[in-house]
Amino acid sequence: MTYAQEKLEKDRVRAQRAPKFTFMAQGYDRFDRRQHTPQDGTIVVKTQPYGCPRNGTAKHCFIADAVTGQFIGLVYEGSLKRLIKI
């Protein structure tokens, strides 16, 4: 297994264990749609890339896909609604 494959697997497993959020565009995410902004209703997890400001700085956070763990981008923290486990 190569380093890249190993990293992808670790990211996928980490994303499956992390708390899940539903993305619904609010604030800047609503009128400043960028290529990295997911569609409304997408299930995501918060992630912390190495060397980046902590999540919550300036009311923004980094997100990744909840299934694959692939990095999506930086979004407004108010756009995330926590999913509740039943």
N, C-alpha and C. Protein backbone atom coordinates (compact mmCIF):
# COMPACT_ATOMS: atom_id res chain seq x y z
N MET A 1 0.85 -1.18 0.00
CA MET A 1 0.00 0.00 0.00
C MET A 1 0.89 1.24 0.00
N THR A 2 0.63 2.16 -0.90
CA THR A 2 1.43 3.37 -0.98
C THR A 2 1.03 4.35 0.12
N TYR A 3 1.87 5.35 0.31
CA TYR A 3 1.59 6.37 1.33
C TYR A 3 0.28 7.09 1.03
N ALA A 4 0.02 7.43 -0.23
CA ALA A 4 -1.20 8.14 -0.60
C ALA A 4 -2.44 7.29 -0.31
N GLN A 5 -2.38 6.01 -0.61
CA GLN A 5 -3.51 5.12 -0.35
C GLN A 5 -3.74 4.97 1.16
N GLU A 6 -2.66 4.88 1.91
CA GLU A 6 -2.76 4.76 3.35
C GLU A 6 -3.39 6.01 3.96
N LYS A 7 -2.99 7.18 3.47
CA LYS A 7 -3.55 8.45 3.96
C LYS A 7 -5.04 8.55 3.64
N LEU A 8 -5.43 8.16 2.43
CA LEU A 8 -6.84 8.18 2.06
C LEU A 8 -7.67 7.28 2.97
N GLU A 9 -7.15 6.12 3.29
CA GLU A 9 -7.86 5.18 4.17
C GLU A 9 -7.99 5.76 5.58
N LYS A 10 -6.94 6.36 6.10
CA LYS A 10 -7.00 6.98 7.43
C LYS A 10 -8.00 8.12 7.46
N ASP A 11 -8.02 8.95 6.40
CA ASP A 11 -8.97 10.06 6.32
C ASP A 11 -10.41 9.55 6.27
N ARG A 12 -10.64 8.46 5.55
CA ARG A 12 -11.99 7.89 5.44
C ARG A 12 -12.47 7.38 6.79
N VAL A 13 -11.60 6.66 7.50
CA VAL A 13 -11.96 6.11 8.80
C VAL A 13 -12.20 7.24 9.81
N ARG A 14 -11.35 8.25 9.81
CA ARG A 14 -11.49 9.39 10.72
C ARG A 14 -12.81 10.13 10.46
N ALA A 15 -13.18 10.28 9.18
CA ALA A 15 -14.41 10.98 8.82
C ALA A 15 -15.65 10.20 9.28
N GLN A 16 -15.57 8.89 9.25
CA GLN A 16 -16.72 8.08 9.67
C GLN A 16 -16.96 8.14 11.17
N ARG A 17 -15.92 8.39 11.95
CA ARG A 17 -16.04 8.46 13.41
C ARG A 17 -16.41 9.86 13.90
N ALA A 18 -16.12 10.88 13.13
CA ALA A 18 -16.32 12.27 13.55
C ALA A 18 -17.80 12.64 13.58
N PRO A 19 -18.17 13.65 14.38
CA PRO A 19 -19.55 14.13 14.39
C PRO A 19 -19.94 14.65 13.00
N LYS A 20 -21.16 14.35 12.59
CA LYS A 20 -21.64 14.72 11.26
C LYS A 20 -22.45 16.01 11.30
N PHE A 21 -22.36 16.78 10.21
CA PHE A 21 -23.08 18.03 10.07
C PHE A 21 -23.75 18.07 8.71
N THR A 22 -24.88 18.77 8.61
CA THR A 22 -25.54 19.00 7.33
C THR A 22 -25.19 20.42 6.90
N PHE A 23 -24.77 20.58 5.66
CA PHE A 23 -24.41 21.90 5.14
C PHE A 23 -25.65 22.55 4.54
N MET A 24 -26.00 23.73 5.05
CA MET A 24 -27.07 24.57 4.50
C MET A 24 -26.48 25.98 4.43
N ALA A 25 -26.28 26.49 3.23
CA ALA A 25 -25.58 27.76 3.03
C ALA A 25 -26.21 28.91 3.81
N GLN A 26 -25.39 29.64 4.57
CA GLN A 26 -25.79 30.82 5.33
C GLN A 26 -24.69 31.86 5.16
N GLY A 27 -25.01 33.11 5.42
CA GLY A 27 -24.01 34.17 5.38
C GLY A 27 -23.32 34.27 4.03
N TYR A 28 -21.99 34.35 4.06
CA TYR A 28 -21.22 34.49 2.82
C TYR A 28 -21.37 33.27 1.90
N ASP A 29 -21.58 32.11 2.49
CA ASP A 29 -21.72 30.90 1.67
C ASP A 29 -22.95 30.98 0.76
N ARG A 30 -23.94 31.77 1.15
CA ARG A 30 -25.17 31.86 0.37
C ARG A 30 -24.97 32.67 -0.92
N PHE A 31 -24.31 33.82 -0.84
CA PHE A 31 -24.17 34.65 -2.04
C PHE A 31 -22.80 34.59 -2.68
N ASP A 32 -21.83 33.97 -2.04
CA ASP A 32 -20.49 33.86 -2.60
C ASP A 32 -20.16 32.39 -2.84
N ARG A 33 -20.94 31.75 -3.70
CA ARG A 33 -20.71 30.33 -4.01
C ARG A 33 -19.40 30.18 -4.76
N ARG A 34 -18.58 29.29 -4.27
CA ARG A 34 -17.30 29.00 -4.92
C ARG A 34 -17.27 27.55 -5.32
N GLN A 35 -16.24 27.19 -6.01
CA GLN A 35 -16.11 25.82 -6.52
C GLN A 35 -16.06 24.80 -5.38
N HIS A 36 -15.45 25.17 -4.25
CA HIS A 36 -15.30 24.22 -3.15
C HIS A 36 -16.54 24.13 -2.26
N THR A 37 -17.54 25.00 -2.44
CA THR A 37 -18.71 25.00 -1.58
C THR A 37 -19.64 23.84 -1.96
N PRO A 38 -19.98 22.98 -1.00
CA PRO A 38 -20.86 21.84 -1.32
C PRO A 38 -22.30 22.27 -1.56
N GLN A 39 -23.10 21.38 -2.10
CA GLN A 39 -24.52 21.63 -2.31
C GLN A 39 -25.24 21.60 -0.95
N ASP A 40 -26.36 22.32 -0.86
CA ASP A 40 -27.16 22.29 0.36
C ASP A 40 -27.63 20.87 0.64
N GLY A 41 -27.57 20.48 1.91
CA GLY A 41 -27.99 19.13 2.30
C GLY A 41 -26.87 18.11 2.32
N THR A 42 -25.67 18.50 1.91
CA THR A 42 -24.52 17.59 1.92
C THR A 42 -24.11 17.29 3.36
N ILE A 43 -23.85 16.03 3.66
CA ILE A 43 -23.40 15.64 4.99
C ILE A 43 -21.87 15.72 5.02
N VAL A 44 -21.35 16.50 5.98
CA VAL A 44 -19.92 16.77 6.07
C VAL A 44 -19.44 16.58 7.51
N VAL A 45 -18.13 16.59 7.67
CA VAL A 45 -17.49 16.58 9.00
C VAL A 45 -16.48 17.73 9.04
N LYS A 46 -16.23 18.23 10.25
CA LYS A 46 -15.19 19.25 10.40
C LYS A 46 -13.83 18.55 10.38
N THR A 47 -12.86 19.21 9.78
CA THR A 47 -11.51 18.67 9.73
C THR A 47 -10.53 19.79 10.05
N GLN A 48 -9.33 19.46 10.43
CA GLN A 48 -8.33 20.46 10.77
C GLN A 48 -7.05 20.20 9.99
N PRO A 49 -6.89 20.84 8.81
CA PRO A 49 -5.66 20.65 8.03
C PRO A 49 -4.43 21.17 8.78
N TYR A 50 -3.32 20.52 8.59
CA TYR A 50 -2.07 20.91 9.24
C TYR A 50 -1.65 22.31 8.78
N GLY A 51 -1.29 23.17 9.72
CA GLY A 51 -0.77 24.49 9.41
C GLY A 51 -1.83 25.54 9.14
N CYS A 52 -3.10 25.22 9.35
CA CYS A 52 -4.18 26.17 9.10
C CYS A 52 -4.73 26.69 10.43
N PRO A 53 -5.37 27.87 10.42
CA PRO A 53 -5.97 28.39 11.66
C PRO A 53 -7.00 27.41 12.21
N ARG A 54 -7.19 27.40 13.52
CA ARG A 54 -8.13 26.50 14.18
C ARG A 54 -9.55 26.75 13.68
N ASN A 55 -10.36 25.71 13.67
CA ASN A 55 -11.77 25.86 13.32
C ASN A 55 -12.43 26.81 14.32
N GLY A 56 -13.29 27.67 13.81
CA GLY A 56 -13.95 28.65 14.66
C GLY A 56 -13.30 30.02 14.58
N THR A 57 -12.10 30.11 14.03
CA THR A 57 -11.45 31.40 13.86
C THR A 57 -12.22 32.20 12.83
N ALA A 58 -12.65 33.39 13.18
CA ALA A 58 -13.43 34.26 12.30
C ALA A 58 -14.72 33.58 11.84
N LYS A 59 -15.28 32.71 12.70
CA LYS A 59 -16.56 32.02 12.42
C LYS A 59 -16.52 31.15 11.16
N HIS A 60 -15.38 30.60 10.83
CA HIS A 60 -15.24 29.71 9.69
C HIS A 60 -14.62 28.39 10.14
N CYS A 61 -14.83 27.33 9.35
CA CYS A 61 -14.20 26.05 9.65
C CYS A 61 -13.95 25.28 8.35
N PHE A 62 -13.05 24.31 8.43
CA PHE A 62 -12.71 23.47 7.30
C PHE A 62 -13.57 22.22 7.35
N ILE A 63 -14.04 21.77 6.20
CA ILE A 63 -14.90 20.59 6.16
C ILE A 63 -14.37 19.56 5.17
N ALA A 64 -14.82 18.31 5.40
CA ALA A 64 -14.48 17.19 4.52
C ALA A 64 -15.75 16.37 4.29
N ASP A 65 -15.77 15.60 3.22
CA ASP A 65 -16.89 14.73 2.92
C ASP A 65 -17.02 13.67 4.02
N ALA A 66 -18.25 13.42 4.49
CA ALA A 66 -18.47 12.49 5.60
C ALA A 66 -18.22 11.04 5.22
N VAL A 67 -18.36 10.69 3.95
CA VAL A 67 -18.20 9.29 3.54
C VAL A 67 -16.76 8.99 3.16
N THR A 68 -16.17 9.83 2.30
CA THR A 68 -14.83 9.55 1.79
C THR A 68 -13.73 10.21 2.61
N GLY A 69 -14.04 11.26 3.36
CA GLY A 69 -13.02 11.98 4.11
C GLY A 69 -12.23 12.96 3.27
N GLN A 70 -12.64 13.16 2.01
CA GLN A 70 -11.92 14.06 1.11
C GLN A 70 -12.19 15.51 1.50
N PHE A 71 -11.13 16.31 1.56
CA PHE A 71 -11.22 17.72 1.93
C PHE A 71 -12.09 18.48 0.93
N ILE A 72 -13.01 19.32 1.45
CA ILE A 72 -13.87 20.13 0.59
C ILE A 72 -13.41 21.58 0.58
N GLY A 73 -13.30 22.20 1.76
CA GLY A 73 -12.85 23.58 1.78
C GLY A 73 -13.25 24.30 3.06
N LEU A 74 -13.22 25.62 2.98
CA LEU A 74 -13.51 26.51 4.10
C LEU A 74 -14.91 27.07 3.95
N VAL A 75 -15.73 26.96 5.01
CA VAL A 75 -17.10 27.46 4.96
C VAL A 75 -17.41 28.23 6.24
N TYR A 76 -18.52 28.97 6.21
CA TYR A 76 -19.01 29.71 7.36
C TYR A 76 -19.57 28.72 8.37
N GLU A 77 -19.20 28.88 9.65
CA GLU A 77 -19.61 27.93 10.68
C GLU A 77 -21.13 27.89 10.88
N GLY A 78 -21.82 28.99 10.61
CA GLY A 78 -23.26 29.03 10.75
C GLY A 78 -23.99 28.20 9.71
N SER A 79 -23.29 27.76 8.67
CA SER A 79 -23.88 26.94 7.61
C SER A 79 -23.98 25.47 8.01
N LEU A 80 -23.39 25.09 9.14
CA LEU A 80 -23.38 23.69 9.55
C LEU A 80 -24.39 23.44 10.66
N LYS A 81 -25.23 22.46 10.48
CA LYS A 81 -26.21 22.04 11.48
C LYS A 81 -25.88 20.61 11.88
N ARG A 82 -25.67 20.38 13.17
CA ARG A 82 -25.26 19.06 13.66
C ARG A 82 -26.38 18.04 13.50
N LEU A 83 -26.03 16.86 13.00
CA LEU A 83 -26.99 15.77 12.91
C LEU A 83 -27.08 15.08 14.26
N ILE A 84 -28.28 14.74 14.65
CA ILE A 84 -28.49 14.10 15.95
C ILE A 84 -28.71 12.60 15.72
N LYS A 85 -27.98 11.78 16.45
CA LYS A 85 -28.15 10.34 16.35
C LYS A 85 -29.40 9.94 17.15
N ILE A 86 -30.17 9.04 16.58
CA ILE A 86 -31.39 8.57 17.27
C ILE A 86 -31.22 7.11 17.60
